[in-house]
Amino acid sequence: AGAGSVVGGAAFGLRSGGFVEPGVAVPSLHLMPDTVCTSLLLMARDMVDGVEVRTRHVGEHTVERCFVGTSAVRWMFVTGLASNVAQALCHGNRMLTLGLIHPVQVGERRFVNDVCLYRFTL
């Protein structure tokens, strides 16, 4: 995929443009209890339908099937799954650790309440 092209699916691969390929799972560095993992999986599945997942334009690139961190944090508040930003960020970072979501931008290693783009790996 070159500059200005539509990227997404298996052919994403814009490493030179600062993006990672879809489906790249973040390795689990910390073991979490099965109940926490199950809760986060269910939350991520619900979040797929709750946040706006769409094509976005970043510079001269088009990024398909992504969502914004602020939308996910807002969704967690609205649904009552997080009572504050710190709790929402904790949930998002745990989803990253489990590989349920991943950042689109190369080098991004954490979930933030900002316009950073993420993808679901479900």
PDB file of N, CA and C in Angstrom:
ATOM      1  N   ALA A   1       0.851  -1.181   0.000  1.00  0.00           N
ATOM      2  CA  ALA A   1       0.000   0.000   0.000  1.00  0.00           C
ATOM      3  C   ALA A   1       0.887   1.231   0.000  1.00  0.00           C
ATOM      4  N   GLY A   2       0.602   2.148  -0.828  1.00  0.00           N
ATOM      5  CA  GLY A   2       1.421   3.350  -0.935  1.00  0.00           C
ATOM      6  C   GLY A   2       0.752   4.532  -0.284  1.00  0.00           C
ATOM      7  N   ALA A   3       1.433   5.655  -0.339  1.00  0.00           N
ATOM      8  CA  ALA A   3       0.895   6.883   0.248  1.00  0.00           C
ATOM      9  C   ALA A   3      -0.420   7.233  -0.410  1.00  0.00           C
ATOM     10  N   GLY A   4      -1.390   7.620   0.387  1.00  0.00           N
ATOM     11  CA  GLY A   4      -2.680   8.029  -0.123  1.00  0.00           C
ATOM     12  C   GLY A   4      -3.597   6.873  -0.467  1.00  0.00           C
ATOM     13  N   SER A   5      -3.147   5.639  -0.241  1.00  0.00           N
ATOM     14  CA  SER A   5      -3.971   4.496  -0.601  1.00  0.00           C
ATOM     15  C   SER A   5      -4.856   4.085   0.567  1.00  0.00           C
ATOM     16  N   VAL A   6      -5.885   3.315   0.223  1.00  0.00           N
ATOM     17  CA  VAL A   6      -6.754   2.770   1.266  1.00  0.00           C
ATOM     18  C   VAL A   6      -6.010   1.617   1.891  1.00  0.00           C
ATOM     19  N   VAL A   7      -5.937   1.618   3.214  1.00  0.00           N
ATOM     20  CA  VAL A   7      -5.234   0.561   3.909  1.00  0.00           C
ATOM     21  C   VAL A   7      -6.196  -0.123   4.858  1.00  0.00           C
ATOM     22  N   GLY A   8      -6.055  -1.390   5.005  1.00  0.00           N
ATOM     23  CA  GLY A   8      -6.917  -2.164   5.880  1.00  0.00           C
ATOM     24  C   GLY A   8      -6.865  -3.610   5.467  1.00  0.00           C
ATOM     25  N   GLY A   9      -7.510  -4.455   6.244  1.00  0.00           N
ATOM     26  CA  GLY A   9      -7.493  -5.870   5.939  1.00  0.00           C
ATOM     27  C   GLY A   9      -6.093  -6.426   6.040  1.00  0.00           C
ATOM     28  N   ALA A  10      -5.861  -7.536   5.370  1.00  0.00           N
ATOM     29  CA  ALA A  10      -4.569  -8.210   5.474  1.00  0.00           C
ATOM     30  C   ALA A  10      -3.447  -7.438   4.802  1.00  0.00           C
ATOM     31  N   ALA A  11      -3.772  -6.501   3.920  1.00  0.00           N
ATOM     32  CA  ALA A  11      -2.740  -5.810   3.156  1.00  0.00           C
ATOM     33  C   ALA A  11      -2.341  -4.463   3.749  1.00  0.00           C
ATOM     34  N   PHE A  12      -2.605  -4.226   5.011  1.00  0.00           N
ATOM     35  CA  PHE A  12      -2.368  -2.915   5.607  1.00  0.00           C
ATOM     36  C   PHE A  12      -0.897  -2.531   5.513  1.00  0.00           C
ATOM     37  N   GLY A  13      -0.025  -3.127   6.292  1.00  0.00           N
ATOM     38  CA  GLY A  13       1.414  -3.033   6.231  1.00  0.00           C
ATOM     39  C   GLY A  13       2.062  -1.725   5.871  1.00  0.00           C
ATOM     40  N   LEU A  14       1.716  -0.610   6.461  1.00  0.00           N
ATOM     41  CA  LEU A  14       2.358   0.670   6.160  1.00  0.00           C
ATOM     42  C   LEU A  14       3.402   1.014   7.212  1.00  0.00           C
ATOM     43  N   ARG A  15       4.299   0.129   7.475  1.00  0.00           N
ATOM     44  CA  ARG A  15       5.301   0.384   8.510  1.00  0.00           C
ATOM     45  C   ARG A  15       6.051   1.682   8.257  1.00  0.00           C
ATOM     46  N   SER A  16       6.377   1.981   7.017  1.00  0.00           N
ATOM     47  CA  SER A  16       7.106   3.215   6.731  1.00  0.00           C
ATOM     48  C   SER A  16       6.241   4.444   6.997  1.00  0.00           C
ATOM     49  N   GLY A  17       4.916   4.295   6.946  1.00  0.00           N
ATOM     50  CA  GLY A  17       4.008   5.395   7.229  1.00  0.00           C
ATOM     51  C   GLY A  17       3.680   5.505   8.701  1.00  0.00           C
ATOM     52  N   GLY A  18       4.262   4.641   9.515  1.00  0.00           N
ATOM     53  CA  GLY A  18       4.043   4.722  10.952  1.00  0.00           C
ATOM     54  C   GLY A  18       2.860   3.937  11.458  1.00  0.00           C
ATOM     55  N   PHE A  19       2.344   2.983  10.681  1.00  0.00           N
ATOM     56  CA  PHE A  19       1.197   2.197  11.099  1.00  0.00           C
ATOM     57  C   PHE A  19       1.574   0.735  11.219  1.00  0.00           C
ATOM     58  N   VAL A  20       0.805  -0.005  11.993  1.00  0.00           N
ATOM     59  CA  VAL A  20       1.016  -1.447  12.116  1.00  0.00           C
ATOM     60  C   VAL A  20      -0.072  -2.178  11.361  1.00  0.00           C
ATOM     61  N   GLU A  21       0.199  -3.422  11.070  1.00  0.00           N
ATOM     62  CA  GLU A  21      -0.761  -4.237  10.347  1.00  0.00           C
ATOM     63  C   GLU A  21      -1.917  -4.618  11.258  1.00  0.00           C
ATOM     64  N   PRO A  22      -3.157  -4.705  10.703  1.00  0.00           N
ATOM     65  CA  PRO A  22      -4.284  -5.155  11.506  1.00  0.00           C
ATOM     66  C   PRO A  22      -4.056  -6.588  11.962  1.00  0.00           C
ATOM     67  N   GLY A  23      -4.587  -6.918  13.099  1.00  0.00           N
ATOM     68  CA  GLY A  23      -4.470  -8.270  13.610  1.00  0.00           C
ATOM     69  C   GLY A  23      -3.175  -8.540  14.347  1.00  0.00           C
ATOM     70  N   VAL A  24      -2.310  -7.560  14.476  1.00  0.00           N
ATOM     71  CA  VAL A  24      -1.071  -7.740  15.222  1.00  0.00           C
ATOM     72  C   VAL A  24      -1.431  -7.727  16.699  1.00  0.00           C
ATOM     73  N   ALA A  25      -1.280  -8.847  17.341  1.00  0.00           N
ATOM     74  CA  ALA A  25      -1.662  -8.958  18.743  1.00  0.00           C
ATOM     75  C   ALA A  25      -0.524  -8.488  19.642  1.00  0.00           C
ATOM     76  N   VAL A  26      -0.880  -7.816  20.696  1.00  0.00           N
ATOM     77  CA  VAL A  26       0.098  -7.404  21.696  1.00  0.00           C
ATOM     78  C   VAL A  26       0.287  -8.587  22.637  1.00  0.00           C
ATOM     79  N   PRO A  27       1.518  -9.054  22.838  1.00  0.00           N
ATOM     80  CA  PRO A  27       1.714 -10.212  23.702  1.00  0.00           C
ATOM     81  C   PRO A  27       1.299  -9.923  25.130  1.00  0.00           C
ATOM     82  N   SER A  28       0.715 -10.912  25.760  1.00  0.00           N
ATOM     83  CA  SER A  28       0.278 -10.764  27.143  1.00  0.00           C
ATOM     84  C   SER A  28       1.495 -10.836  28.060  1.00  0.00           C
ATOM     85  N   LEU A  29       1.797  -9.725  28.718  1.00  0.00           N
ATOM     86  CA  LEU A  29       2.961  -9.662  29.591  1.00  0.00           C
ATOM     87  C   LEU A  29       2.613  -9.994  31.042  1.00  0.00           C
ATOM     88  N   HIS A  30       1.358  -9.838  31.387  1.00  0.00           N
ATOM     89  CA  HIS A  30       0.932 -10.074  32.758  1.00  0.00           C
ATOM     90  C   HIS A  30      -0.204 -11.082  32.749  1.00  0.00           C
ATOM     91  N   LEU A  31      -0.124 -12.037  33.641  1.00  0.00           N
ATOM     92  CA  LEU A  31      -1.218 -12.996  33.741  1.00  0.00           C
ATOM     93  C   LEU A  31      -2.333 -12.368  34.562  1.00  0.00           C
ATOM     94  N   MET A  32      -3.545 -12.468  34.049  1.00  0.00           N
ATOM     95  CA  MET A  32      -4.714 -11.942  34.749  1.00  0.00           C
ATOM     96  C   MET A  32      -5.613 -13.110  35.095  1.00  0.00           C
ATOM     97  N   PRO A  33      -6.364 -13.001  36.176  1.00  0.00           N
ATOM     98  CA  PRO A  33      -7.306 -14.078  36.506  1.00  0.00           C
ATOM     99  C   PRO A  33      -8.284 -14.297  35.357  1.00  0.00           C
ATOM    100  N   ASP A  34      -8.728 -15.546  35.202  1.00  0.00           N
ATOM    101  CA  ASP A  34      -9.656 -15.884  34.116  1.00  0.00           C
ATOM    102  C   ASP A  34     -10.912 -15.028  34.144  1.00  0.00           C
ATOM    103  N   THR A  35     -11.408 -14.684  35.327  1.00  0.00           N
ATOM    104  CA  THR A  35     -12.632 -13.880  35.409  1.00  0.00           C
ATOM    105  C   THR A  35     -12.403 -12.484  34.838  1.00  0.00           C
ATOM    106  N   VAL A  36     -11.224 -11.909  35.070  1.00  0.00           N
ATOM    107  CA  VAL A  36     -10.891 -10.585  34.520  1.00  0.00           C
ATOM    108  C   VAL A  36     -10.779 -10.679  33.006  1.00  0.00           C
ATOM    109  N   CYS A  37     -10.114 -11.715  32.515  1.00  0.00           N
ATOM    110  CA  CYS A  37      -9.958 -11.895  31.069  1.00  0.00           C
ATOM    111  C   CYS A  37     -11.318 -12.063  30.401  1.00  0.00           C
ATOM    112  N   THR A  38     -12.184 -12.861  31.007  1.00  0.00           N
ATOM    113  CA  THR A  38     -13.521 -13.072  30.456  1.00  0.00           C
ATOM    114  C   THR A  38     -14.316 -11.779  30.451  1.00  0.00           C
ATOM    115  N   SER A  39     -14.248 -10.999  31.531  1.00  0.00           N
ATOM    116  CA  SER A  39     -14.955  -9.720  31.601  1.00  0.00           C
ATOM    117  C   SER A  39     -14.460  -8.754  30.532  1.00  0.00           C
ATOM    118  N   LEU A  40     -13.158  -8.712  30.329  1.00  0.00           N
ATOM    119  CA  LEU A  40     -12.593  -7.820  29.316  1.00  0.00           C
ATOM    120  C   LEU A  40     -12.966  -8.264  27.906  1.00  0.00           C
ATOM    121  N   LEU A  41     -13.016  -9.568  27.675  1.00  0.00           N
ATOM    122  CA  LEU A  41     -13.434 -10.078  26.372  1.00  0.00           C
ATOM    123  C   LEU A  41     -14.884  -9.688  26.091  1.00  0.00           C
ATOM    124  N   LEU A  42     -15.760  -9.863  27.080  1.00  0.00           N
ATOM    125  CA  LEU A  42     -17.164  -9.488  26.916  1.00  0.00           C
ATOM    126  C   LEU A  42     -17.303  -7.977  26.696  1.00  0.00           C
ATOM    127  N   MET A  43     -16.517  -7.192  27.440  1.00  0.00           N
ATOM    128  CA  MET A  43     -16.550  -5.740  27.280  1.00  0.00           C
ATOM    129  C   MET A  43     -16.115  -5.349  25.873  1.00  0.00           C
ATOM    130  N   ALA A  44     -15.039  -5.964  25.385  1.00  0.00           N
ATOM    131  CA  ALA A  44     -14.536  -5.652  24.042  1.00  0.00           C
ATOM    132  C   ALA A  44     -15.571  -6.025  22.983  1.00  0.00           C
ATOM    133  N   ARG A  45     -16.233  -7.155  23.159  1.00  0.00           N
ATOM    134  CA  ARG A  45     -17.266  -7.565  22.190  1.00  0.00           C
ATOM    135  C   ARG A  45     -18.411  -6.563  22.162  1.00  0.00           C
ATOM    136  N   ASP A  46     -18.820  -6.089  23.335  1.00  0.00           N
ATOM    137  CA  ASP A  46     -19.880  -5.081  23.395  1.00  0.00           C
ATOM    138  C   ASP A  46     -19.406  -3.749  22.815  1.00  0.00           C
ATOM    139  N   MET A  47     -18.148  -3.424  23.064  1.00  0.00           N
ATOM    140  CA  MET A  47     -17.599  -2.152  22.607  1.00  0.00           C
ATOM    141  C   MET A  47     -17.535  -2.089  21.080  1.00  0.00           C
ATOM    142  N   VAL A  48     -17.374  -3.241  20.421  1.00  0.00           N
ATOM    143  CA  VAL A  48     -17.351  -3.276  18.954  1.00  0.00           C
ATOM    144  C   VAL A  48     -18.609  -2.620  18.397  1.00  0.00           C
ATOM    145  N   ASP A  49     -19.751  -2.877  19.034  1.00  0.00           N
ATOM    146  CA  ASP A  49     -21.024  -2.304  18.585  1.00  0.00           C
ATOM    147  C   ASP A  49     -21.285  -0.926  19.185  1.00  0.00           C
ATOM    148  N   GLY A  50     -20.570  -0.576  20.253  1.00  0.00           N
ATOM    149  CA  GLY A  50     -20.853   0.668  20.957  1.00  0.00           C
ATOM    150  C   GLY A  50     -20.049   1.878  20.534  1.00  0.00           C
ATOM    151  N   VAL A  51     -18.848   1.663  20.011  1.00  0.00           N
ATOM    152  CA  VAL A  51     -18.031   2.794  19.563  1.00  0.00           C
ATOM    153  C   VAL A  51     -18.097   2.900  18.041  1.00  0.00           C
ATOM    154  N   GLU A  52     -17.818   4.071  17.546  1.00  0.00           N
ATOM    155  CA  GLU A  52     -17.862   4.298  16.104  1.00  0.00           C
ATOM    156  C   GLU A  52     -16.593   3.754  15.453  1.00  0.00           C
ATOM    157  N   VAL A  53     -16.743   2.641  14.752  1.00  0.00           N
ATOM    158  CA  VAL A  53     -15.647   2.036  14.006  1.00  0.00           C
ATOM    159  C   VAL A  53     -15.864   2.410  12.549  1.00  0.00           C
ATOM    160  N   ARG A  54     -14.906   3.133  11.991  1.00  0.00           N
ATOM    161  CA  ARG A  54     -15.071   3.607  10.613  1.00  0.00           C
ATOM    162  C   ARG A  54     -13.719   3.929   9.992  1.00  0.00           C
ATOM    163  N   THR A  55     -13.767   4.309   8.738  1.00  0.00           N
ATOM    164  CA  THR A  55     -12.575   4.742   8.007  1.00  0.00           C
ATOM    165  C   THR A  55     -12.234   6.167   8.430  1.00  0.00           C
ATOM    166  N   ARG A  56     -10.967   6.405   8.696  1.00  0.00           N
ATOM    167  CA  ARG A  56     -10.507   7.737   9.090  1.00  0.00           C
ATOM    168  C   ARG A  56      -9.318   8.118   8.225  1.00  0.00           C
ATOM    169  N   HIS A  57      -9.127   9.408   8.067  1.00  0.00           N
ATOM    170  CA  HIS A  57      -8.019   9.917   7.259  1.00  0.00           C
ATOM    171  C   HIS A  57      -6.953  10.493   8.173  1.00  0.00           C
ATOM    172  N   VAL A  58      -5.734  10.007   7.995  1.00  0.00           N
ATOM    173  CA  VAL A  58      -4.583  10.451   8.778  1.00  0.00           C
ATOM    174  C   VAL A  58      -3.522  10.902   7.788  1.00  0.00           C
ATOM    175  N   GLY A  59      -3.337  12.209   7.708  1.00  0.00           N
ATOM    176  CA  GLY A  59      -2.398  12.730   6.713  1.00  0.00           C
ATOM    177  C   GLY A  59      -2.857  12.326   5.331  1.00  0.00           C
ATOM    178  N   GLU A  60      -1.981  11.682   4.601  1.00  0.00           N
ATOM    179  CA  GLU A  60      -2.343  11.244   3.259  1.00  0.00           C
ATOM    180  C   GLU A  60      -2.772   9.779   3.220  1.00  0.00           C
ATOM    181  N   HIS A  61      -2.953   9.172   4.374  1.00  0.00           N
ATOM    182  CA  HIS A  61      -3.376   7.774   4.464  1.00  0.00           C
ATOM    183  C   HIS A  61      -4.844   7.670   4.847  1.00  0.00           C
ATOM    184  N   THR A  62      -5.472   6.608   4.397  1.00  0.00           N
ATOM    185  CA  THR A  62      -6.827   6.280   4.804  1.00  0.00           C
ATOM    186  C   THR A  62      -6.740   5.016   5.647  1.00  0.00           C
ATOM    187  N   VAL A  63      -7.241   5.079   6.858  1.00  0.00           N
ATOM    188  CA  VAL A  63      -7.165   3.956   7.790  1.00  0.00           C
ATOM    189  C   VAL A  63      -8.566   3.404   7.995  1.00  0.00           C
ATOM    190  N   GLU A  64      -8.763   2.152   7.635  1.00  0.00           N
ATOM    191  CA  GLU A  64     -10.076   1.521   7.723  1.00  0.00           C
ATOM    192  C   GLU A  64     -10.286   0.828   9.066  1.00  0.00           C
ATOM    193  N   ARG A  65     -11.551   0.686   9.427  1.00  0.00           N
ATOM    194  CA  ARG A  65     -12.000  -0.103  10.587  1.00  0.00           C
ATOM    195  C   ARG A  65     -11.262   0.246  11.883  1.00  0.00           C
ATOM    196  N   CYS A  66     -11.277   1.497  12.250  1.00  0.00           N
ATOM    197  CA  CYS A  66     -10.605   1.903  13.483  1.00  0.00           C
ATOM    198  C   CYS A  66     -11.535   2.757  14.339  1.00  0.00           C
ATOM    199  N   PHE A  67     -11.156   2.921  15.602  1.00  0.00           N
ATOM    200  CA  PHE A  67     -11.913   3.779  16.520  1.00  0.00           C
ATOM    201  C   PHE A  67     -10.941   4.659  17.285  1.00  0.00           C
ATOM    202  N   VAL A  68     -11.476   5.704  17.878  1.00  0.00           N
ATOM    203  CA  VAL A  68     -10.674   6.692  18.607  1.00  0.00           C
ATOM    204  C   VAL A  68     -10.735   6.372  20.103  1.00  0.00           C
ATOM    205  N   GLY A  69      -9.616   6.538  20.791  1.00  0.00           N
ATOM    206  CA  GLY A  69      -9.554   6.265  22.229  1.00  0.00           C
ATOM    207  C   GLY A  69     -10.596   7.023  23.027  1.00  0.00           C
ATOM    208  N   THR A  70     -10.827   8.300  22.690  1.00  0.00           N
ATOM    209  CA  THR A  70     -11.811   9.094  23.431  1.00  0.00           C
ATOM    210  C   THR A  70     -13.217   8.516  23.301  1.00  0.00           C
ATOM    211  N   SER A  71     -13.531   7.941  22.142  1.00  0.00           N
ATOM    212  CA  SER A  71     -14.851   7.327  21.952  1.00  0.00           C
ATOM    213  C   SER A  71     -15.023   6.111  22.856  1.00  0.00           C
ATOM    214  N   ALA A  72     -13.975   5.327  22.994  1.00  0.00           N
ATOM    215  CA  ALA A  72     -14.040   4.146  23.855  1.00  0.00           C
ATOM    216  C   ALA A  72     -14.189   4.549  25.320  1.00  0.00           C
ATOM    217  N   VAL A  73     -13.450   5.572  25.739  1.00  0.00           N
ATOM    218  CA  VAL A  73     -13.568   6.047  27.124  1.00  0.00           C
ATOM    219  C   VAL A  73     -14.987   6.557  27.377  1.00  0.00           C
ATOM    220  N   ARG A  74     -15.522   7.330  26.450  1.00  0.00           N
ATOM    221  CA  ARG A  74     -16.890   7.852  26.577  1.00  0.00           C
ATOM    222  C   ARG A  74     -17.896   6.698  26.671  1.00  0.00           C
ATOM    223  N   TRP A  75     -17.732   5.681  25.822  1.00  0.00           N
ATOM    224  CA  TRP A  75     -18.624   4.522  25.825  1.00  0.00           C
ATOM    225  C   TRP A  75     -18.580   3.802  27.177  1.00  0.00           C
ATOM    226  N   MET A  76     -17.392   3.662  27.747  1.00  0.00           N
ATOM    227  CA  MET A  76     -17.271   2.997  29.055  1.00  0.00           C
ATOM    228  C   MET A  76     -18.012   3.777  30.132  1.00  0.00           C
ATOM    229  N   PHE A  77     -17.983   5.120  30.074  1.00  0.00           N
ATOM    230  CA  PHE A  77     -18.745   5.953  31.022  1.00  0.00           C
ATOM    231  C   PHE A  77     -20.245   5.766  30.832  1.00  0.00           C
ATOM    232  N   VAL A  78     -20.695   5.878  29.591  1.00  0.00           N
ATOM    233  CA  VAL A  78     -22.128   5.804  29.277  1.00  0.00           C
ATOM    234  C   VAL A  78     -22.714   4.456  29.707  1.00  0.00           C
ATOM    235  N   THR A  79     -21.971   3.394  29.488  1.00  0.00           N
ATOM    236  CA  THR A  79     -22.463   2.055  29.832  1.00  0.00           C
ATOM    237  C   THR A  79     -22.281   1.712  31.307  1.00  0.00           C
ATOM    238  N   GLY A  80     -21.564   2.560  32.044  1.00  0.00           N
ATOM    239  CA  GLY A  80     -21.335   2.302  33.462  1.00  0.00           C
ATOM    240  C   GLY A  80     -20.207   1.328  33.743  1.00  0.00           C
ATOM    241  N   LEU A  81     -19.421   0.993  32.727  1.00  0.00           N
ATOM    242  CA  LEU A  81     -18.303   0.068  32.922  1.00  0.00           C
ATOM    243  C   LEU A  81     -17.081   0.742  33.524  1.00  0.00           C
ATOM    244  N   ALA A  82     -17.073   2.069  33.512  1.00  0.00           N
ATOM    245  CA  ALA A  82     -15.995   2.842  34.145  1.00  0.00           C
ATOM    246  C   ALA A  82     -16.627   4.044  34.829  1.00  0.00           C
ATOM    247  N   SER A  83     -16.181   4.315  36.041  1.00  0.00           N
ATOM    248  CA  SER A  83     -16.733   5.457  36.778  1.00  0.00           C
ATOM    249  C   SER A  83     -15.839   6.686  36.694  1.00  0.00           C
ATOM    250  N   ASN A  84     -14.624   6.517  36.142  1.00  0.00           N
ATOM    251  CA  ASN A  84     -13.718   7.653  35.969  1.00  0.00           C
ATOM    252  C   ASN A  84     -12.729   7.335  34.844  1.00  0.00           C
ATOM    253  N   VAL A  85     -11.972   8.337  34.444  1.00  0.00           N
ATOM    254  CA  VAL A  85     -11.032   8.169  33.329  1.00  0.00           C
ATOM    255  C   VAL A  85      -9.973   7.125  33.663  1.00  0.00           C
ATOM    256  N   ALA A  86      -9.467   7.147  34.881  1.00  0.00           N
ATOM    257  CA  ALA A  86      -8.423   6.188  35.268  1.00  0.00           C
ATOM    258  C   ALA A  86      -8.912   4.746  35.112  1.00  0.00           C
ATOM    259  N   GLN A  87     -10.149   4.493  35.495  1.00  0.00           N
ATOM    260  CA  GLN A  87     -10.705   3.143  35.375  1.00  0.00           C
ATOM    261  C   GLN A  87     -10.883   2.760  33.894  1.00  0.00           C
ATOM    262  N   ALA A  88     -11.350   3.692  33.084  1.00  0.00           N
ATOM    263  CA  ALA A  88     -11.506   3.432  31.649  1.00  0.00           C
ATOM    264  C   ALA A  88     -10.142   3.144  31.008  1.00  0.00           C
ATOM    265  N   LEU A  89      -9.132   3.910  31.378  1.00  0.00           N
ATOM    266  CA  LEU A  89      -7.790   3.692  30.842  1.00  0.00           C
ATOM    267  C   LEU A  89      -7.240   2.341  31.277  1.00  0.00           C
ATOM    268  N   CYS A  90      -7.531   1.956  32.496  1.00  0.00           N
ATOM    269  CA  CYS A  90      -7.117   0.641  32.993  1.00  0.00           C
ATOM    270  C   CYS A  90      -7.750  -0.464  32.145  1.00  0.00           C
ATOM    271  N   HIS A  91      -9.059  -0.359  31.904  1.00  0.00           N
ATOM    272  CA  HIS A  91      -9.746  -1.346  31.064  1.00  0.00           C
ATOM    273  C   HIS A  91      -9.120  -1.393  29.667  1.00  0.00           C
ATOM    274  N   GLY A  92      -8.907  -0.222  29.062  1.00  0.00           N
ATOM    275  CA  GLY A  92      -8.332  -0.165  27.726  1.00  0.00           C
ATOM    276  C   GLY A  92      -6.935  -0.754  27.659  1.00  0.00           C
ATOM    277  N   ASN A  93      -6.119  -0.459  28.660  1.00  0.00           N
ATOM    278  CA  ASN A  93      -4.758  -0.995  28.674  1.00  0.00           C
ATOM    279  C   ASN A  93      -4.744  -2.497  28.909  1.00  0.00           C
ATOM    280  N   ARG A  94      -5.678  -2.980  29.696  1.00  0.00           N
ATOM    281  CA  ARG A  94      -5.781  -4.432  29.878  1.00  0.00           C
ATOM    282  C   ARG A  94      -6.225  -5.103  28.580  1.00  0.00           C
ATOM    283  N   MET A  95      -7.123  -4.453  27.837  1.00  0.00           N
ATOM    284  CA  MET A  95      -7.530  -5.002  26.535  1.00  0.00           C
ATOM    285  C   MET A  95      -6.345  -5.053  25.580  1.00  0.00           C
ATOM    286  N   LEU A  96      -5.490  -4.027  25.634  1.00  0.00           N
ATOM    287  CA  LEU A  96      -4.263  -4.027  24.828  1.00  0.00           C
ATOM    288  C   LEU A  96      -3.357  -5.190  25.222  1.00  0.00           C
ATOM    289  N   THR A  97      -3.161  -5.371  26.509  1.00  0.00           N
ATOM    290  CA  THR A  97      -2.296  -6.428  27.012  1.00  0.00           C
ATOM    291  C   THR A  97      -2.772  -7.797  26.562  1.00  0.00           C
ATOM    292  N   LEU A  98      -4.096  -7.980  26.555  1.00  0.00           N
ATOM    293  CA  LEU A  98      -4.660  -9.266  26.139  1.00  0.00           C
ATOM    294  C   LEU A  98      -4.735  -9.412  24.621  1.00  0.00           C
ATOM    295  N   GLY A  99      -4.453  -8.338  23.889  1.00  0.00           N
ATOM    296  CA  GLY A  99      -4.514  -8.406  22.439  1.00  0.00           C
ATOM    297  C   GLY A  99      -5.919  -8.294  21.874  1.00  0.00           C
ATOM    298  N   LEU A 100      -6.877  -7.781  22.655  1.00  0.00           N
ATOM    299  CA  LEU A 100      -8.252  -7.612  22.179  1.00  0.00           C
ATOM    300  C   LEU A 100      -8.378  -6.389  21.279  1.00  0.00           C
ATOM    301  N   ILE A 101      -7.520  -5.395  21.530  1.00  0.00           N
ATOM    302  CA  ILE A 101      -7.419  -4.206  20.684  1.00  0.00           C
ATOM    303  C   ILE A 101      -5.933  -3.954  20.452  1.00  0.00           C
ATOM    304  N   HIS A 102      -5.631  -3.190  19.431  1.00  0.00           N
ATOM    305  CA  HIS A 102      -4.237  -2.782  19.245  1.00  0.00           C
ATOM    306  C   HIS A 102      -4.212  -1.394  18.626  1.00  0.00           C
ATOM    307  N   PRO A 103      -3.163  -0.629  18.944  1.00  0.00           N
ATOM    308  CA  PRO A 103      -3.045   0.717  18.367  1.00  0.00           C
ATOM    309  C   PRO A 103      -2.678   0.632  16.894  1.00  0.00           C
ATOM    310  N   VAL A 104      -3.181   1.574  16.108  1.00  0.00           N
ATOM    311  CA  VAL A 104      -2.862   1.635  14.686  1.00  0.00           C
ATOM    312  C   VAL A 104      -1.470   2.228  14.493  1.00  0.00           C
ATOM    313  N   GLN A 105      -1.109   3.191  15.287  1.00  0.00           N
ATOM    314  CA  GLN A 105       0.167   3.904  15.152  1.00  0.00           C
ATOM    315  C   GLN A 105       1.326   3.072  15.691  1.00  0.00           C
ATOM    316  N   VAL A 106       2.361   2.912  14.900  1.00  0.00           N
ATOM    317  CA  VAL A 106       3.568   2.205  15.329  1.00  0.00           C
ATOM    318  C   VAL A 106       4.168   2.942  16.518  1.00  0.00           C
ATOM    319  N   GLY A 107       4.593   2.203  17.514  1.00  0.00           N
ATOM    320  CA  GLY A 107       5.242   2.794  18.677  1.00  0.00           C
ATOM    321  C   GLY A 107       4.294   3.110  19.811  1.00  0.00           C
ATOM    322  N   GLU A 108       2.997   3.170  19.543  1.00  0.00           N
ATOM    323  CA  GLU A 108       2.030   3.424  20.614  1.00  0.00           C
ATOM    324  C   GLU A 108       1.879   2.127  21.405  1.00  0.00           C
ATOM    325  N   ARG A 109       2.070   2.198  22.711  1.00  0.00           N
ATOM    326  CA  ARG A 109       2.056   0.984  23.522  1.00  0.00           C
ATOM    327  C   ARG A 109       1.013   1.014  24.628  1.00  0.00           C
ATOM    328  N   ARG A 110       0.236   2.085  24.664  1.00  0.00           N
ATOM    329  CA  ARG A 110      -0.751   2.170  25.730  1.00  0.00           C
ATOM    330  C   ARG A 110      -2.045   2.762  25.193  1.00  0.00           C
ATOM    331  N   PHE A 111      -3.094   2.523  25.937  1.00  0.00           N
ATOM    332  CA  PHE A 111      -4.405   3.052  25.593  1.00  0.00           C
ATOM    333  C   PHE A 111      -4.525   4.419  26.241  1.00  0.00           C
ATOM    334  N   VAL A 112      -4.900   5.427  25.452  1.00  0.00           N
ATOM    335  CA  VAL A 112      -4.981   6.794  25.967  1.00  0.00           C
ATOM    336  C   VAL A 112      -6.323   7.424  25.633  1.00  0.00           C
ATOM    337  N   ASN A 113      -6.732   8.366  26.455  1.00  0.00           N
ATOM    338  CA  ASN A 113      -7.965   9.131  26.243  1.00  0.00           C
ATOM    339  C   ASN A 113      -7.631  10.305  25.326  1.00  0.00           C
ATOM    340  N   ASP A 114      -7.445   9.981  24.065  1.00  0.00           N
ATOM    341  CA  ASP A 114      -7.001  10.962  23.073  1.00  0.00           C
ATOM    342  C   ASP A 114      -7.491  10.511  21.708  1.00  0.00           C
ATOM    343  N   VAL A 115      -7.076  11.192  20.665  1.00  0.00           N
ATOM    344  CA  VAL A 115      -7.511  10.846  19.308  1.00  0.00           C
ATOM    345  C   VAL A 115      -6.683   9.738  18.681  1.00  0.00           C
ATOM    346  N   CYS A 116      -5.912   9.010  19.474  1.00  0.00           N
ATOM    347  CA  CYS A 116      -5.158   7.861  18.958  1.00  0.00           C
ATOM    348  C   CYS A 116      -6.135   6.826  18.426  1.00  0.00           C
ATOM    349  N   LEU A 117      -5.733   6.167  17.337  1.00  0.00           N
ATOM    350  CA  LEU A 117      -6.594   5.183  16.679  1.00  0.00           C
ATOM    351  C   LEU A 117      -6.239   3.769  17.121  1.00  0.00           C
ATOM    352  N   TYR A 118      -7.282   2.954  17.266  1.00  0.00           N
ATOM    353  CA  TYR A 118      -7.145   1.559  17.677  1.00  0.00           C
ATOM    354  C   TYR A 118      -8.012   0.690  16.789  1.00  0.00           C
ATOM    355  N   ARG A 119      -7.701  -0.600  16.781  1.00  0.00           N
ATOM    356  CA  ARG A 119      -8.509  -1.591  16.068  1.00  0.00           C
ATOM    357  C   ARG A 119      -8.839  -2.730  17.007  1.00  0.00           C
ATOM    358  N   PHE A 120      -9.993  -3.334  16.765  1.00  0.00           N
ATOM    359  CA  PHE A 120     -10.356  -4.560  17.478  1.00  0.00           C
ATOM    360  C   PHE A 120      -9.706  -5.737  16.774  1.00  0.00           C
ATOM    361  N   THR A 121      -9.305  -6.715  17.528  1.00  0.00           N
ATOM    362  CA  THR A 121      -8.709  -7.921  16.955  1.00  0.00           C
ATOM    363  C   THR A 121      -9.668  -9.101  17.045  1.00  0.00           C
ATOM    364  N   LEU A 122     -10.880  -8.848  17.485  1.00  0.00           N
ATOM    365  CA  LEU A 122     -11.876  -9.916  17.656  1.00  0.00           C
ATOM    366  C   LEU A 122     -12.381 -10.414  16.335  1.00  0.00           C
TER     367      LEU A 122
END
